[in-house]
Amino acid sequence: MACHSCDKLVSVAGLNDGESAFCPRCGHFLTRRLPDAYGRVLSFTIASIILLIMANSYSFLSFSSTGLESVITLRETPGAVWKYGMPAVAVMVAAFIIIIPAFILLLLLLLCIPLQAGQYRPWLIPVAKGIFLSQNWSMVEVFIIGVIVSLVKIADMATVELGISFWAYAGFAICFTLAISSLDRYQCWQRIEALQRQ
């Protein structure tokens, strides 16, 4: 395969489970062979789906100051931004923190279930392309970091209580990141090609 950093062609054949390949010229990471990689991705994906459903089912944050209390849920966040006269930002918030991650999770299920079962399906190639293209548009970890930074600033002005949804979304961010990082691009294409030849 070609190194993504310096374009040097490197042979990565013959990797054993747990081994990684790096470019001999620039040291850039190339690929990693994980034992039961697709079972691992499926586990993190299913956990992510459960946590995302929980994150949209309970209160995310509650604020109280001078006797007034306000509670917001994750699914109400884009609507709250819309009410403040920022419809474009509201659409982006909904897309980047809920819609695109949910779409990627669906694609991961469609990809990894056949790969784990060793069965070729005609949708594997477009689904894999969709995952690798859309994963850069998911802002799950950016959102949760932004919320934490905002809480530090708001804590001086109001009493903030973190709801079940906040912790569920934090867990979702971790599982989602692990699901994406466990899916090695090179090993995935190799597996699809091998199943296609059968």
N, C-alpha and C. Protein backbone atom coordinates (compact mmCIF):
# COMPACT_ATOMS: atom_id res chain seq x y z
N MET A 1 0.84 -1.19 0.00
CA MET A 1 0.00 0.00 0.00
C MET A 1 0.88 1.24 0.00
N ALA A 2 0.28 2.37 -0.45
CA ALA A 2 1.02 3.63 -0.49
C ALA A 2 0.85 4.36 0.84
N CYS A 3 1.96 4.87 1.36
CA CYS A 3 1.92 5.65 2.60
C CYS A 3 1.13 6.93 2.35
N HIS A 4 0.22 7.26 3.24
CA HIS A 4 -0.61 8.46 3.08
C HIS A 4 0.20 9.74 3.32
N SER A 5 1.36 9.61 3.93
CA SER A 5 2.16 10.79 4.24
C SER A 5 3.21 11.10 3.17
N CYS A 6 3.93 10.04 2.70
CA CYS A 6 5.03 10.30 1.75
C CYS A 6 4.89 9.53 0.44
N ASP A 7 3.82 8.73 0.27
CA ASP A 7 3.52 7.98 -0.96
C ASP A 7 4.49 6.84 -1.24
N LYS A 8 5.30 6.45 -0.28
CA LYS A 8 6.18 5.30 -0.49
C LYS A 8 5.35 4.02 -0.51
N LEU A 9 5.62 3.14 -1.47
CA LEU A 9 4.92 1.85 -1.54
C LEU A 9 5.54 0.88 -0.54
N VAL A 10 4.69 0.32 0.30
CA VAL A 10 5.16 -0.55 1.37
C VAL A 10 4.36 -1.85 1.32
N SER A 11 5.04 -2.97 1.45
CA SER A 11 4.36 -4.26 1.53
C SER A 11 3.93 -4.50 2.97
N VAL A 12 2.63 -4.70 3.15
CA VAL A 12 2.10 -4.94 4.50
C VAL A 12 1.49 -6.33 4.61
N ALA A 13 1.83 -7.19 3.66
CA ALA A 13 1.31 -8.57 3.69
C ALA A 13 1.97 -9.35 4.83
N GLY A 14 1.25 -10.32 5.33
CA GLY A 14 1.82 -11.21 6.34
C GLY A 14 1.78 -10.70 7.75
N LEU A 15 0.96 -9.67 8.04
CA LEU A 15 0.85 -9.20 9.42
C LEU A 15 0.08 -10.21 10.25
N ASN A 16 0.56 -10.47 11.44
CA ASN A 16 -0.15 -11.34 12.37
C ASN A 16 -1.07 -10.53 13.26
N ASP A 17 -1.99 -11.20 13.94
CA ASP A 17 -2.93 -10.50 14.83
C ASP A 17 -2.17 -9.68 15.87
N GLY A 18 -2.59 -8.44 16.01
CA GLY A 18 -1.97 -7.54 16.98
C GLY A 18 -0.80 -6.75 16.44
N GLU A 19 -0.34 -7.05 15.23
CA GLU A 19 0.81 -6.34 14.66
C GLU A 19 0.36 -5.13 13.85
N SER A 20 1.21 -4.11 13.83
CA SER A 20 0.96 -2.89 13.07
C SER A 20 2.07 -2.67 12.07
N ALA A 21 1.78 -1.92 11.01
CA ALA A 21 2.78 -1.59 10.00
C ALA A 21 2.95 -0.08 9.95
N PHE A 22 4.21 0.36 9.86
CA PHE A 22 4.54 1.77 9.77
C PHE A 22 5.44 1.99 8.55
N CYS A 23 5.37 3.19 8.00
CA CYS A 23 6.19 3.51 6.84
C CYS A 23 7.66 3.54 7.25
N PRO A 24 8.53 2.82 6.53
CA PRO A 24 9.96 2.83 6.88
C PRO A 24 10.64 4.16 6.58
N ARG A 25 10.03 4.97 5.74
CA ARG A 25 10.65 6.25 5.38
C ARG A 25 10.29 7.36 6.38
N CYS A 26 8.99 7.53 6.65
CA CYS A 26 8.56 8.66 7.49
C CYS A 26 7.97 8.22 8.84
N GLY A 27 7.77 6.91 9.03
CA GLY A 27 7.23 6.43 10.29
C GLY A 27 5.73 6.57 10.44
N HIS A 28 5.02 6.93 9.35
CA HIS A 28 3.57 7.12 9.41
C HIS A 28 2.88 5.77 9.60
N PHE A 29 1.82 5.76 10.44
CA PHE A 29 1.05 4.54 10.66
C PHE A 29 0.33 4.13 9.37
N LEU A 30 0.40 2.84 9.04
CA LEU A 30 -0.22 2.35 7.81
C LEU A 30 -1.44 1.49 8.09
N THR A 31 -1.28 0.44 8.84
CA THR A 31 -2.39 -0.46 9.11
C THR A 31 -2.11 -1.29 10.35
N ARG A 32 -3.18 -1.86 10.90
CA ARG A 32 -3.06 -2.68 12.10
C ARG A 32 -4.02 -3.85 11.97
N ARG A 33 -3.53 -5.03 12.26
CA ARG A 33 -4.38 -6.22 12.19
C ARG A 33 -4.83 -6.58 13.59
N LEU A 34 -6.12 -6.47 13.86
CA LEU A 34 -6.67 -6.76 15.17
C LEU A 34 -7.37 -8.11 15.17
N PRO A 35 -7.20 -8.89 16.21
CA PRO A 35 -7.97 -10.14 16.30
C PRO A 35 -9.44 -9.84 16.52
N ASP A 36 -10.29 -10.51 15.75
CA ASP A 36 -11.75 -10.31 15.85
C ASP A 36 -12.12 -8.83 15.73
N ALA A 37 -11.53 -8.16 14.72
CA ALA A 37 -11.73 -6.72 14.55
C ALA A 37 -13.20 -6.37 14.33
N TYR A 38 -13.90 -7.15 13.52
CA TYR A 38 -15.28 -6.80 13.18
C TYR A 38 -16.23 -7.09 14.34
N GLY A 39 -15.94 -8.11 15.13
CA GLY A 39 -16.71 -8.33 16.33
C GLY A 39 -16.54 -7.19 17.32
N ARG A 40 -15.32 -6.66 17.39
CA ARG A 40 -15.05 -5.52 18.26
C ARG A 40 -15.80 -4.28 17.79
N VAL A 41 -15.76 -4.02 16.48
CA VAL A 41 -16.46 -2.86 15.93
C VAL A 41 -17.97 -3.00 16.19
N LEU A 42 -18.50 -4.22 15.99
CA LEU A 42 -19.92 -4.44 16.22
C LEU A 42 -20.30 -4.20 17.68
N SER A 43 -19.46 -4.63 18.60
CA SER A 43 -19.73 -4.43 20.03
C SER A 43 -19.80 -2.95 20.37
N PHE A 44 -18.80 -2.19 19.91
CA PHE A 44 -18.79 -0.75 20.17
C PHE A 44 -19.94 -0.05 19.46
N THR A 45 -20.32 -0.54 18.27
CA THR A 45 -21.41 0.07 17.52
C THR A 45 -22.74 -0.13 18.24
N ILE A 46 -23.00 -1.35 18.69
CA ILE A 46 -24.26 -1.63 19.41
C ILE A 46 -24.32 -0.83 20.71
N ALA A 47 -23.19 -0.76 21.43
CA ALA A 47 -23.15 0.05 22.65
C ALA A 47 -23.40 1.52 22.34
N SER A 48 -22.86 2.00 21.22
CA SER A 48 -23.06 3.40 20.82
C SER A 48 -24.52 3.68 20.52
N ILE A 49 -25.19 2.75 19.83
CA ILE A 49 -26.61 2.92 19.51
C ILE A 49 -27.45 3.01 20.78
N ILE A 50 -27.19 2.12 21.73
CA ILE A 50 -27.94 2.12 22.99
C ILE A 50 -27.72 3.44 23.73
N LEU A 51 -26.48 3.87 23.81
CA LEU A 51 -26.16 5.11 24.54
C LEU A 51 -26.73 6.33 23.83
N LEU A 52 -26.75 6.33 22.49
CA LEU A 52 -27.32 7.47 21.76
C LEU A 52 -28.82 7.56 21.99
N ILE A 53 -29.49 6.41 22.04
CA ILE A 53 -30.93 6.41 22.34
C ILE A 53 -31.17 6.95 23.76
N MET A 54 -30.35 6.51 24.71
CA MET A 54 -30.47 7.02 26.09
C MET A 54 -30.21 8.52 26.15
N ALA A 55 -29.21 8.98 25.38
CA ALA A 55 -28.86 10.40 25.39
C ALA A 55 -29.99 11.27 24.87
N ASN A 56 -30.83 10.72 24.01
CA ASN A 56 -31.96 11.48 23.45
C ASN A 56 -33.25 11.26 24.23
N SER A 57 -33.19 10.51 25.32
CA SER A 57 -34.40 10.16 26.06
C SER A 57 -34.51 10.83 27.42
N TYR A 58 -33.43 11.38 27.92
CA TYR A 58 -33.43 11.98 29.26
C TYR A 58 -32.93 13.41 29.20
N SER A 59 -32.94 14.08 30.35
CA SER A 59 -32.47 15.47 30.40
C SER A 59 -30.96 15.51 30.26
N PHE A 60 -30.48 16.51 29.53
CA PHE A 60 -29.05 16.66 29.28
C PHE A 60 -28.41 17.53 30.35
N LEU A 61 -28.95 18.72 30.53
CA LEU A 61 -28.44 19.65 31.54
C LEU A 61 -29.61 20.37 32.18
N SER A 62 -29.45 20.79 33.41
CA SER A 62 -30.42 21.67 34.06
C SER A 62 -29.66 22.82 34.71
N PHE A 63 -30.19 24.03 34.54
CA PHE A 63 -29.59 25.24 35.09
C PHE A 63 -30.57 25.86 36.08
N SER A 64 -30.06 26.34 37.18
CA SER A 64 -30.90 27.06 38.14
C SER A 64 -30.14 28.27 38.65
N SER A 65 -30.84 29.42 38.64
CA SER A 65 -30.24 30.67 39.11
C SER A 65 -31.35 31.60 39.57
N THR A 66 -31.19 32.18 40.74
CA THR A 66 -32.16 33.12 41.33
C THR A 66 -33.58 32.56 41.29
N GLY A 67 -33.72 31.30 41.61
CA GLY A 67 -35.04 30.69 41.69
C GLY A 67 -35.61 30.20 40.38
N LEU A 68 -34.95 30.48 39.27
CA LEU A 68 -35.42 30.02 37.96
C LEU A 68 -34.64 28.79 37.55
N GLU A 69 -35.35 27.82 36.98
CA GLU A 69 -34.70 26.58 36.56
C GLU A 69 -35.05 26.28 35.11
N SER A 70 -34.06 25.81 34.37
CA SER A 70 -34.27 25.45 32.97
C SER A 70 -33.64 24.09 32.71
N VAL A 71 -34.38 23.24 32.01
CA VAL A 71 -33.91 21.90 31.69
C VAL A 71 -33.90 21.74 30.17
N ILE A 72 -32.83 21.17 29.64
CA ILE A 72 -32.74 20.96 28.19
C ILE A 72 -32.33 19.53 27.91
N THR A 73 -32.90 18.98 26.86
CA THR A 73 -32.53 17.64 26.41
C THR A 73 -31.67 17.76 25.16
N LEU A 74 -31.00 16.68 24.82
CA LEU A 74 -30.11 16.71 23.66
C LEU A 74 -30.88 16.99 22.37
N ARG A 75 -32.03 16.36 22.20
CA ARG A 75 -32.79 16.55 20.97
C ARG A 75 -33.39 17.95 20.86
N GLU A 76 -33.50 18.67 22.01
CA GLU A 76 -34.01 20.04 21.99
C GLU A 76 -32.92 21.06 21.68
N THR A 77 -31.67 20.65 21.69
CA THR A 77 -30.56 21.58 21.49
C THR A 77 -30.64 22.31 20.14
N PRO A 78 -30.83 21.60 19.01
CA PRO A 78 -30.94 22.33 17.74
C PRO A 78 -32.11 23.31 17.72
N GLY A 79 -33.25 22.92 18.33
CA GLY A 79 -34.41 23.82 18.38
C GLY A 79 -34.13 25.07 19.19
N ALA A 80 -33.37 24.92 20.28
CA ALA A 80 -33.02 26.09 21.10
C ALA A 80 -32.13 27.05 20.32
N VAL A 81 -31.19 26.50 19.56
CA VAL A 81 -30.32 27.35 18.73
C VAL A 81 -31.15 28.04 17.64
N TRP A 82 -32.12 27.31 17.08
CA TRP A 82 -32.99 27.88 16.04
C TRP A 82 -33.78 29.07 16.58
N LYS A 83 -34.27 28.94 17.83
CA LYS A 83 -35.07 30.02 18.44
C LYS A 83 -34.25 31.29 18.64
N TYR A 84 -32.95 31.14 18.77
CA TYR A 84 -32.09 32.30 18.94
C TYR A 84 -31.71 32.94 17.60
N GLY A 85 -32.38 32.52 16.52
CA GLY A 85 -32.19 33.15 15.22
C GLY A 85 -30.99 32.65 14.45
N MET A 86 -30.57 31.42 14.70
CA MET A 86 -29.43 30.85 13.98
C MET A 86 -29.82 29.51 13.36
N PRO A 87 -30.68 29.54 12.33
CA PRO A 87 -31.15 28.27 11.75
C PRO A 87 -30.04 27.44 11.11
N ALA A 88 -29.08 28.09 10.48
CA ALA A 88 -27.98 27.36 9.84
C ALA A 88 -27.16 26.61 10.89
N VAL A 89 -26.89 27.28 12.00
CA VAL A 89 -26.13 26.64 13.08
C VAL A 89 -26.94 25.50 13.69
N ALA A 90 -28.26 25.69 13.81
CA ALA A 90 -29.12 24.64 14.37
C ALA A 90 -29.09 23.39 13.50
N VAL A 91 -29.15 23.58 12.18
CA VAL A 91 -29.09 22.43 11.27
C VAL A 91 -27.75 21.72 11.39
N MET A 92 -26.66 22.49 11.48
CA MET A 92 -25.33 21.88 11.61
C MET A 92 -25.19 21.13 12.93
N VAL A 93 -25.73 21.69 14.00
CA VAL A 93 -25.66 21.02 15.30
C VAL A 93 -26.39 19.68 15.24
N ALA A 94 -27.60 19.70 14.69
CA ALA A 94 -28.38 18.46 14.58
C ALA A 94 -27.66 17.44 13.72
N ALA A 95 -27.06 17.90 12.62
CA ALA A 95 -26.38 16.99 11.70
C ALA A 95 -25.13 16.39 12.32
N PHE A 96 -24.30 17.25 12.91
CA PHE A 96 -22.98 16.81 13.37
C PHE A 96 -23.01 16.00 14.65
N ILE A 97 -24.01 16.21 15.53
CA ILE A 97 -23.99 15.51 16.82
C ILE A 97 -25.01 14.38 16.92
N ILE A 98 -25.99 14.35 16.01
CA ILE A 98 -27.01 13.30 16.08
C ILE A 98 -27.16 12.55 14.76
N ILE A 99 -27.49 13.27 13.69
CA ILE A 99 -27.88 12.63 12.42
C ILE A 99 -26.72 11.88 11.77
N ILE A 100 -25.58 12.56 11.57
CA ILE A 100 -24.43 11.91 10.90
C ILE A 100 -23.88 10.77 11.75
N PRO A 101 -23.68 10.94 13.07
CA PRO A 101 -23.23 9.78 13.86
C PRO A 101 -24.19 8.59 13.79
N ALA A 102 -25.51 8.85 13.83
CA ALA A 102 -26.48 7.76 13.74
C ALA A 102 -26.40 7.07 12.37
N PHE A 103 -26.19 7.88 11.33
CA PHE A 103 -26.05 7.33 9.97
C PHE A 103 -24.80 6.45 9.88
N ILE A 104 -23.70 6.89 10.48
CA ILE A 104 -22.46 6.11 10.46
C ILE A 104 -22.64 4.80 11.22
N LEU A 105 -23.35 4.84 12.33
CA LEU A 105 -23.60 3.61 13.10
C LEU A 105 -24.40 2.61 12.28
N LEU A 106 -25.40 3.09 11.53
CA LEU A 106 -26.17 2.22 10.66
C LEU A 106 -25.29 1.58 9.59
N LEU A 107 -24.39 2.40 9.00
CA LEU A 107 -23.48 1.89 7.98
C LEU A 107 -22.52 0.86 8.57
N LEU A 108 -22.07 1.09 9.80
CA LEU A 108 -21.16 0.14 10.45
C LEU A 108 -21.84 -1.22 10.64
N LEU A 109 -23.12 -1.20 11.00
CA LEU A 109 -23.85 -2.46 11.14
C LEU A 109 -23.96 -3.17 9.79
N LEU A 110 -24.30 -2.40 8.74
CA LEU A 110 -24.44 -2.99 7.41
C LEU A 110 -23.13 -3.55 6.89
N LEU A 111 -22.01 -2.97 7.32
CA LEU A 111 -20.70 -3.43 6.86
C LEU A 111 -20.19 -4.61 7.68
N CYS A 112 -20.23 -4.48 9.00
CA CYS A 112 -19.52 -5.43 9.85
C CYS A 112 -20.27 -6.74 10.08
N ILE A 113 -21.58 -6.73 10.00
CA ILE A 113 -22.32 -7.99 10.18
C ILE A 113 -21.95 -8.99 9.08
N PRO A 114 -21.98 -8.60 7.78
CA PRO A 114 -21.54 -9.56 6.75
C PRO A 114 -20.06 -9.91 6.84
N LEU A 115 -19.20 -8.92 7.17
CA LEU A 115 -17.77 -9.20 7.27
C LEU A 115 -17.49 -10.17 8.41
N GLN A 116 -18.20 -10.02 9.52
CA GLN A 116 -18.02 -10.93 10.65
C GLN A 116 -18.50 -12.33 10.30
N ALA A 117 -19.59 -12.41 9.52
CA ALA A 117 -20.15 -13.70 9.13
C ALA A 117 -19.42 -14.32 7.95
N GLY A 118 -18.51 -13.56 7.30
CA GLY A 118 -17.78 -14.08 6.15
C GLY A 118 -18.62 -14.20 4.90
N GLN A 119 -19.59 -13.29 4.73
CA GLN A 119 -20.48 -13.34 3.58
C GLN A 119 -20.36 -12.05 2.78
N TYR A 120 -20.17 -12.20 1.47
CA TYR A 120 -20.10 -11.01 0.61
C TYR A 120 -21.50 -10.51 0.29
N ARG A 121 -21.68 -9.21 0.34
CA ARG A 121 -22.93 -8.58 -0.03
C ARG A 121 -22.64 -7.45 -1.01
N PRO A 122 -23.51 -7.19 -1.99
CA PRO A 122 -23.22 -6.17 -3.01
C PRO A 122 -23.12 -4.76 -2.45
N TRP A 123 -23.66 -4.52 -1.26
CA TRP A 123 -23.59 -3.16 -0.71
C TRP A 123 -22.32 -2.90 0.10
N LEU A 124 -21.45 -3.87 0.25
CA LEU A 124 -20.27 -3.69 1.11
C LEU A 124 -19.36 -2.56 0.62
N ILE A 125 -19.11 -2.50 -0.67
CA ILE A 125 -18.19 -1.47 -1.19
C ILE A 125 -18.75 -0.06 -1.02
N PRO A 126 -19.99 0.24 -1.47
CA PRO A 126 -20.50 1.60 -1.25
C PRO A 126 -20.67 1.95 0.23
N VAL A 127 -21.02 0.97 1.06
CA VAL A 127 -21.16 1.24 2.49
C VAL A 127 -19.81 1.59 3.12
N ALA A 128 -18.77 0.83 2.75
CA ALA A 128 -17.43 1.12 3.28
C ALA A 128 -16.96 2.50 2.83
N LYS A 129 -17.21 2.85 1.58
CA LYS A 129 -16.85 4.19 1.09
C LYS A 129 -17.60 5.26 1.88
N GLY A 130 -18.89 5.00 2.14
CA GLY A 130 -19.69 5.96 2.89
C GLY A 130 -19.16 6.18 4.30
N ILE A 131 -18.71 5.11 4.95
CA ILE A 131 -18.17 5.23 6.31
C ILE A 131 -16.90 6.07 6.30
N PHE A 132 -15.98 5.73 5.40
CA PHE A 132 -14.69 6.42 5.41
C PHE A 132 -14.81 7.88 4.96
N LEU A 133 -15.84 8.20 4.17
CA LEU A 133 -16.05 9.59 3.76
C LEU A 133 -16.78 10.39 4.83
N SER A 134 -17.77 9.79 5.47
CA SER A 134 -18.62 10.55 6.39
C SER A 134 -18.06 10.65 7.81
N GLN A 135 -17.10 9.79 8.17
CA GLN A 135 -16.60 9.83 9.55
C GLN A 135 -15.89 11.14 9.87
N ASN A 136 -15.37 11.83 8.84
CA ASN A 136 -14.72 13.12 9.08
C ASN A 136 -15.72 14.23 9.39
N TRP A 137 -17.00 14.00 9.13
CA TRP A 137 -18.03 15.02 9.35
C TRP A 137 -18.75 14.83 10.67
N SER A 138 -18.37 13.85 11.43
CA SER A 138 -18.97 13.64 12.74
C SER A 138 -18.19 14.44 13.79
N MET A 139 -18.91 15.24 14.56
CA MET A 139 -18.26 16.12 15.55
C MET A 139 -18.64 15.74 16.98
N VAL A 140 -18.77 14.45 17.22
CA VAL A 140 -19.22 13.97 18.53
C VAL A 140 -18.27 14.43 19.63
N GLU A 141 -16.97 14.14 19.45
CA GLU A 141 -16.01 14.48 20.51
C GLU A 141 -15.83 15.99 20.64
N VAL A 142 -15.96 16.73 19.53
CA VAL A 142 -15.86 18.19 19.57
C VAL A 142 -17.02 18.76 20.38
N PHE A 143 -18.22 18.21 20.19
CA PHE A 143 -19.39 18.69 20.92
C PHE A 143 -19.24 18.46 22.41
N ILE A 144 -18.84 17.25 22.81
CA ILE A 144 -18.76 16.96 24.24
C ILE A 144 -17.67 17.79 24.92
N ILE A 145 -16.56 18.04 24.20
CA ILE A 145 -15.51 18.91 24.75
C ILE A 145 -16.02 20.35 24.87
N GLY A 146 -16.76 20.80 23.85
CA GLY A 146 -17.34 22.15 23.88
C GLY A 146 -18.30 22.33 25.04
N VAL A 147 -19.10 21.29 25.32
CA VAL A 147 -20.04 21.36 26.44
C VAL A 147 -19.28 21.47 27.76
N ILE A 148 -18.22 20.69 27.91
CA ILE A 148 -17.45 20.72 29.16
C ILE A 148 -16.81 22.10 29.36
N VAL A 149 -16.26 22.67 28.29
CA VAL A 149 -15.66 24.01 28.39
C VAL A 149 -16.72 25.04 28.76
N SER A 150 -17.91 24.93 28.16
CA SER A 150 -18.99 25.87 28.47
C SER A 150 -19.44 25.74 29.92
N LEU A 151 -19.47 24.51 30.43
CA LEU A 151 -19.90 24.30 31.81
C LEU A 151 -18.97 24.98 32.80
N VAL A 152 -17.68 24.98 32.48
CA VAL A 152 -16.71 25.64 33.37
C VAL A 152 -17.02 27.13 33.47
N LYS A 153 -17.43 27.74 32.34
CA LYS A 153 -17.73 29.17 32.34
C LYS A 153 -19.07 29.47 32.99
N ILE A 154 -20.05 28.58 32.78
CA ILE A 154 -21.40 28.82 33.31
C ILE A 154 -21.47 28.54 34.80
N ALA A 155 -20.59 27.70 35.31
CA ALA A 155 -20.66 27.28 36.72
C ALA A 155 -20.60 28.46 37.68
N ASP A 156 -19.97 29.57 37.30
CA ASP A 156 -19.88 30.74 38.16
C ASP A 156 -21.18 31.54 38.19
N MET A 157 -22.02 31.37 37.15
CA MET A 157 -23.24 32.18 37.04
C MET A 157 -24.49 31.44 37.47
N ALA A 158 -24.47 30.10 37.41
CA ALA A 158 -25.67 29.34 37.74
C ALA A 158 -25.28 27.96 38.28
N THR A 159 -26.23 27.34 38.94
CA THR A 159 -26.03 25.97 39.42
C THR A 159 -26.37 25.01 38.28
N VAL A 160 -25.42 24.17 37.93
CA VAL A 160 -25.58 23.27 36.79
C VAL A 160 -25.64 21.83 37.30
N GLU A 161 -26.63 21.10 36.82
CA GLU A 161 -26.73 19.67 37.15
C GLU A 161 -26.67 18.87 35.85
N LEU A 162 -25.80 17.88 35.83
CA LEU A 162 -25.64 17.04 34.66
C LEU A 162 -26.66 15.91 34.71
N GLY A 163 -27.43 15.76 33.62
CA GLY A 163 -28.45 14.73 33.57
C GLY A 163 -27.91 13.41 33.05
N ILE A 164 -28.79 12.41 33.05
CA ILE A 164 -28.41 11.08 32.55
C ILE A 164 -27.96 11.17 31.10
N SER A 165 -28.63 12.03 30.35
CA SER A 165 -28.31 12.18 28.92
C SER A 165 -26.86 12.62 28.71
N PHE A 166 -26.36 13.51 29.57
CA PHE A 166 -24.98 13.98 29.43
C PHE A 166 -24.00 12.82 29.56
N TRP A 167 -24.20 12.00 30.60
CA TRP A 167 -23.28 10.88 30.82
C TRP A 167 -23.44 9.82 29.74
N ALA A 168 -24.68 9.64 29.27
CA ALA A 168 -24.91 8.69 28.17
C ALA A 168 -24.20 9.17 26.90
N TYR A 169 -24.28 10.48 26.63
CA TYR A 169 -23.63 10.99 25.42
C TYR A 169 -22.11 10.95 25.55
N ALA A 170 -21.60 11.17 26.76
CA ALA A 170 -20.15 11.05 26.98
C ALA A 170 -19.70 9.62 26.72
N GLY A 171 -20.47 8.64 27.23
CA GLY A 171 -20.17 7.24 26.95
C GLY A 171 -20.30 6.92 25.47
N PHE A 172 -21.33 7.51 24.84
CA PHE A 172 -21.51 7.33 23.40
C PHE A 172 -20.31 7.85 22.63
N ALA A 173 -19.79 9.01 23.02
CA ALA A 173 -18.63 9.58 22.33
C ALA A 173 -17.42 8.65 22.41
N ILE A 174 -17.23 8.02 23.57
CA ILE A 174 -16.11 7.09 23.73
C ILE A 174 -16.32 5.84 22.87
N CYS A 175 -17.50 5.24 22.95
CA CYS A 175 -17.77 4.01 22.18
C CYS A 175 -17.76 4.28 20.68
N PHE A 176 -18.29 5.42 20.27
CA PHE A 176 -18.32 5.77 18.86
C PHE A 176 -16.89 5.93 18.32
N THR A 177 -16.05 6.63 19.09
CA THR A 177 -14.65 6.82 18.68
C THR A 177 -13.92 5.48 18.60
N LEU A 178 -14.17 4.59 19.56
CA LEU A 178 -13.53 3.27 19.55
C LEU A 178 -14.02 2.42 18.37
N ALA A 179 -15.30 2.55 18.03
CA ALA A 179 -15.84 1.80 16.88
C ALA A 179 -15.17 2.24 15.59
N ILE A 180 -15.04 3.55 15.41
CA ILE A 180 -14.42 4.07 14.19
C ILE A 180 -12.94 3.72 14.13
N SER A 181 -12.24 3.87 15.26
CA SER A 181 -10.79 3.63 15.26
C SER A 181 -10.46 2.14 15.15
N SER A 182 -11.40 1.26 15.51
CA SER A 182 -11.15 -0.18 15.42
C SER A 182 -11.33 -0.71 14.00
N LEU A 183 -11.94 0.10 13.13
CA LEU A 183 -12.15 -0.32 11.74
C LEU A 183 -10.97 0.16 10.91
N ASP A 184 -10.04 -0.75 10.62
CA ASP A 184 -8.86 -0.41 9.84
C ASP A 184 -9.22 -0.39 8.36
N ARG A 185 -8.91 0.71 7.69
CA ARG A 185 -9.31 0.89 6.29
C ARG A 185 -8.70 -0.18 5.38
N TYR A 186 -7.41 -0.42 5.52
CA TYR A 186 -6.73 -1.38 4.63
C TYR A 186 -7.25 -2.80 4.86
N GLN A 187 -7.35 -3.20 6.14
CA GLN A 187 -7.82 -4.55 6.46
C GLN A 187 -9.27 -4.74 6.00
N CYS A 188 -10.06 -3.67 6.09
CA CYS A 188 -11.45 -3.74 5.65
C CYS A 188 -11.54 -4.02 4.16
N TRP A 189 -10.76 -3.27 3.35
CA TRP A 189 -10.80 -3.47 1.89
C TRP A 189 -10.24 -4.85 1.53
N GLN A 190 -9.22 -5.30 2.25
CA GLN A 190 -8.68 -6.63 1.99
C GLN A 190 -9.73 -7.71 2.25
N ARG A 191 -10.48 -7.55 3.34
CA ARG A 191 -11.51 -8.51 3.69
C ARG A 191 -12.63 -8.53 2.63
N ILE A 192 -13.03 -7.35 2.18
CA ILE A 192 -14.08 -7.28 1.16
C ILE A 192 -13.62 -7.93 -0.14
N GLU A 193 -12.39 -7.66 -0.55
CA GLU A 193 -11.86 -8.25 -1.78
C GLU A 193 -11.77 -9.77 -1.66
N ALA A 194 -11.36 -10.26 -0.49
CA ALA A 194 -11.25 -11.70 -0.28
C ALA A 194 -12.62 -12.37 -0.37
N LEU A 195 -13.62 -11.75 0.23
CA LEU A 195 -14.97 -12.31 0.18
C LEU A 195 -15.55 -12.23 -1.24
N GLN A 196 -15.18 -11.18 -1.96
CA GLN A 196 -15.68 -11.02 -3.34
C GLN A 196 -15.15 -12.09 -4.27
N ARG A 197 -13.92 -12.56 -3.98
CA ARG A 197 -13.29 -13.58 -4.84
C ARG A 197 -13.84 -14.99 -4.55
N GLN A 198 -14.48 -15.16 -3.41
CA GLN A 198 -14.97 -16.50 -3.05
C GLN A 198 -16.14 -16.93 -3.93
